[in-house]
Amino acid sequence: MGEPEEIKAIHMIVKGRVQAVGFRYFTWQTANVYRVFGWVRNRSDGSVEIVAEGEKSDIQQFMKTIKKGSPFSRISDVDIYEYTEPKNFHQFEIRN
């Protein structure tokens, strides 16, 4: 096995039809598939907010899947910000 990859931490705002369609659960499932940690929550403006961290290649796959969306969502825009320091999460959770 190779050396661990660089840890990357991101903050995403996902816009479109992403509330009341199971998008937070979809995000949680996707995070578990790619071994990504952090959280997801609905925002009052109808968007979904995600903070996530993991190995760079896992985060890239996670972001690609989130941008594609779930079968019941329609993504219109995704804002992505990169953190300079890891957040040191140990799980991925759905927040209210």
C-alpha atoms as a PDB file:
ATOM      1  CA  MET A   1       0.000   0.000   0.000  1.00  0.00           C
ATOM      2  CA  GLY A   2       1.169   3.522  -0.765  1.00  0.00           C
ATOM      3  CA  GLU A   3       1.519   6.516   1.447  1.00  0.00           C
ATOM      4  CA  PRO A   4      -1.704   8.248   2.596  1.00  0.00           C
ATOM      5  CA  GLU A   5      -2.775  11.028   0.287  1.00  0.00           C
ATOM      6  CA  GLU A   6      -3.034  14.672   1.191  1.00  0.00           C
ATOM      7  CA  ILE A   7      -6.184  15.464   3.192  1.00  0.00           C
ATOM      8  CA  LYS A   8      -8.467  17.962   1.486  1.00  0.00           C
ATOM      9  CA  ALA A   9     -11.320  19.847   3.205  1.00  0.00           C
ATOM     10  CA  ILE A  10     -14.123  21.580   1.310  1.00  0.00           C
ATOM     11  CA  HIS A  11     -17.276  23.605   1.869  1.00  0.00           C
ATOM     12  CA  MET A  12     -20.047  23.190  -0.714  1.00  0.00           C
ATOM     13  CA  ILE A  13     -23.322  25.045  -1.278  1.00  0.00           C
ATOM     14  CA  VAL A  14     -25.567  22.995  -3.566  1.00  0.00           C
ATOM     15  CA  LYS A  15     -28.461  24.838  -5.240  1.00  0.00           C
ATOM     16  CA  GLY A  16     -31.470  23.590  -7.156  1.00  0.00           C
ATOM     17  CA  ARG A  17     -34.135  21.083  -6.183  1.00  0.00           C
ATOM     18  CA  VAL A  18     -32.196  19.613  -3.270  1.00  0.00           C
ATOM     19  CA  GLN A  19     -34.605  19.777  -0.330  1.00  0.00           C
ATOM     20  CA  ALA A  20     -37.469  17.329   0.354  1.00  0.00           C
ATOM     21  CA  VAL A  21     -35.982  14.878  -2.192  1.00  0.00           C
ATOM     22  CA  GLY A  22     -33.636  12.834   0.055  1.00  0.00           C
ATOM     23  CA  PHE A  23     -30.539  14.789  -0.951  1.00  0.00           C
ATOM     24  CA  ARG A  24     -29.022  14.899   2.555  1.00  0.00           C
ATOM     25  CA  TYR A  25     -29.349  11.112   2.840  1.00  0.00           C
ATOM     26  CA  PHE A  26     -27.871  10.742  -0.669  1.00  0.00           C
ATOM     27  CA  THR A  27     -24.947  12.937   0.452  1.00  0.00           C
ATOM     28  CA  TRP A  28     -24.464  10.824   3.597  1.00  0.00           C
ATOM     29  CA  GLN A  29     -24.449   7.618   1.529  1.00  0.00           C
ATOM     30  CA  THR A  30     -21.980   9.123  -0.955  1.00  0.00           C
ATOM     31  CA  ALA A  31     -19.696  10.212   1.898  1.00  0.00           C
ATOM     32  CA  ASN A  32     -19.659   6.664   3.252  1.00  0.00           C
ATOM     33  CA  VAL A  33     -18.828   5.208  -0.171  1.00  0.00           C
ATOM     34  CA  TYR A  34     -15.821   7.532  -0.582  1.00  0.00           C
ATOM     35  CA  ARG A  35     -14.667   7.520   3.077  1.00  0.00           C
ATOM     36  CA  VAL A  36     -15.361  11.235   3.478  1.00  0.00           C
ATOM     37  CA  PHE A  37     -16.119  12.826   6.861  1.00  0.00           C
ATOM     38  CA  GLY A  38     -18.017  15.998   7.830  1.00  0.00           C
ATOM     39  CA  TRP A  39     -21.674  17.024   7.705  1.00  0.00           C
ATOM     40  CA  VAL A  40     -24.613  18.077   5.521  1.00  0.00           C
ATOM     41  CA  ARG A  41     -27.602  20.304   6.326  1.00  0.00           C
ATOM     42  CA  ASN A  42     -30.472  22.157   4.687  1.00  0.00           C
ATOM     43  CA  ARG A  43     -30.250  25.956   4.579  1.00  0.00           C
ATOM     44  CA  SER A  44     -33.176  28.340   4.916  1.00  0.00           C
ATOM     45  CA  ASP A  45     -32.671  29.599   1.328  1.00  0.00           C
ATOM     46  CA  GLY A  46     -33.491  26.143  -0.106  1.00  0.00           C
ATOM     47  CA  SER A  47     -29.897  25.106  -0.748  1.00  0.00           C
ATOM     48  CA  VAL A  48     -27.896  22.361   0.952  1.00  0.00           C
ATOM     49  CA  GLU A  49     -24.599  23.010   2.738  1.00  0.00           C
ATOM     50  CA  ILE A  50     -21.850  20.393   2.967  1.00  0.00           C
ATOM     51  CA  VAL A  51     -18.550  20.464   4.832  1.00  0.00           C
ATOM     52  CA  ALA A  52     -16.393  17.467   3.981  1.00  0.00           C
ATOM     53  CA  GLU A  53     -12.841  16.221   4.209  1.00  0.00           C
ATOM     54  CA  GLY A  54     -10.934  13.165   3.122  1.00  0.00           C
ATOM     55  CA  GLU A  55      -8.085  12.043   0.942  1.00  0.00           C
ATOM     56  CA  LYS A  56      -7.797  14.208  -2.162  1.00  0.00           C
ATOM     57  CA  SER A  57      -8.902  11.510  -4.635  1.00  0.00           C
ATOM     58  CA  ASP A  58     -11.865  10.538  -2.423  1.00  0.00           C
ATOM     59  CA  ILE A  59     -12.980  14.177  -2.112  1.00  0.00           C
ATOM     60  CA  GLN A  60     -12.735  14.599  -5.884  1.00  0.00           C
ATOM     61  CA  GLN A  61     -14.990  11.563  -6.461  1.00  0.00           C
ATOM     62  CA  PHE A  62     -17.366  12.765  -3.720  1.00  0.00           C
ATOM     63  CA  MET A  63     -17.664  16.225  -5.335  1.00  0.00           C
ATOM     64  CA  LYS A  64     -18.202  14.707  -8.790  1.00  0.00           C
ATOM     65  CA  THR A  65     -21.059  12.535  -7.480  1.00  0.00           C
ATOM     66  CA  ILE A  66     -22.661  15.401  -5.520  1.00  0.00           C
ATOM     67  CA  LYS A  67     -22.542  17.672  -8.599  1.00  0.00           C
ATOM     68  CA  LYS A  68     -24.358  14.967 -10.583  1.00  0.00           C
ATOM     69  CA  GLY A  69     -27.026  14.736  -7.858  1.00  0.00           C
ATOM     70  CA  SER A  70     -29.428  12.052  -6.750  1.00  0.00           C
ATOM     71  CA  PRO A  71     -32.163  10.592  -8.979  1.00  0.00           C
ATOM     72  CA  PHE A  72     -34.781  12.938  -7.437  1.00  0.00           C
ATOM     73  CA  SER A  73     -32.717  16.137  -7.243  1.00  0.00           C
ATOM     74  CA  ARG A  74     -31.903  18.725  -9.883  1.00  0.00           C
ATOM     75  CA  ILE A  75     -28.651  20.591  -9.346  1.00  0.00           C
ATOM     76  CA  SER A  76     -28.559  24.107 -10.779  1.00  0.00           C
ATOM     77  CA  ASP A  77     -25.306  25.364  -9.219  1.00  0.00           C
ATOM     78  CA  VAL A  78     -22.577  24.269  -6.791  1.00  0.00           C
ATOM     79  CA  ASP A  79     -20.259  26.680  -5.000  1.00  0.00           C
ATOM     80  CA  ILE A  80     -17.101  25.022  -3.676  1.00  0.00           C
ATOM     81  CA  TYR A  81     -14.603  26.557  -1.285  1.00  0.00           C
ATOM     82  CA  GLU A  82     -11.424  24.854  -0.136  1.00  0.00           C
ATOM     83  CA  TYR A  83     -10.218  25.048   3.454  1.00  0.00           C
ATOM     84  CA  THR A  84      -6.498  25.451   4.065  1.00  0.00           C
ATOM     85  CA  GLU A  85      -6.525  23.240   7.184  1.00  0.00           C
ATOM     86  CA  PRO A  86      -8.259  19.897   7.797  1.00  0.00           C
ATOM     87  CA  LYS A  87     -11.259  19.953  10.129  1.00  0.00           C
ATOM     88  CA  ASN A  88     -10.468  16.553  11.699  1.00  0.00           C
ATOM     89  CA  PHE A  89     -13.937  15.034  11.466  1.00  0.00           C
ATOM     90  CA  HIS A  90     -14.323  11.374  12.441  1.00  0.00           C
ATOM     91  CA  GLN A  91     -17.702  10.629  10.829  1.00  0.00           C
ATOM     92  CA  PHE A  92     -20.223  12.079   8.394  1.00  0.00           C
ATOM     93  CA  GLU A  93     -23.511  13.300   9.837  1.00  0.00           C
ATOM     94  CA  ILE A  94     -26.798  14.760   8.718  1.00  0.00           C
ATOM     95  CA  ARG A  95     -27.519  17.942  10.654  1.00  0.00           C
ATOM     96  CA  ASN A  96     -30.901  19.586  11.139  1.00  0.00           C
END
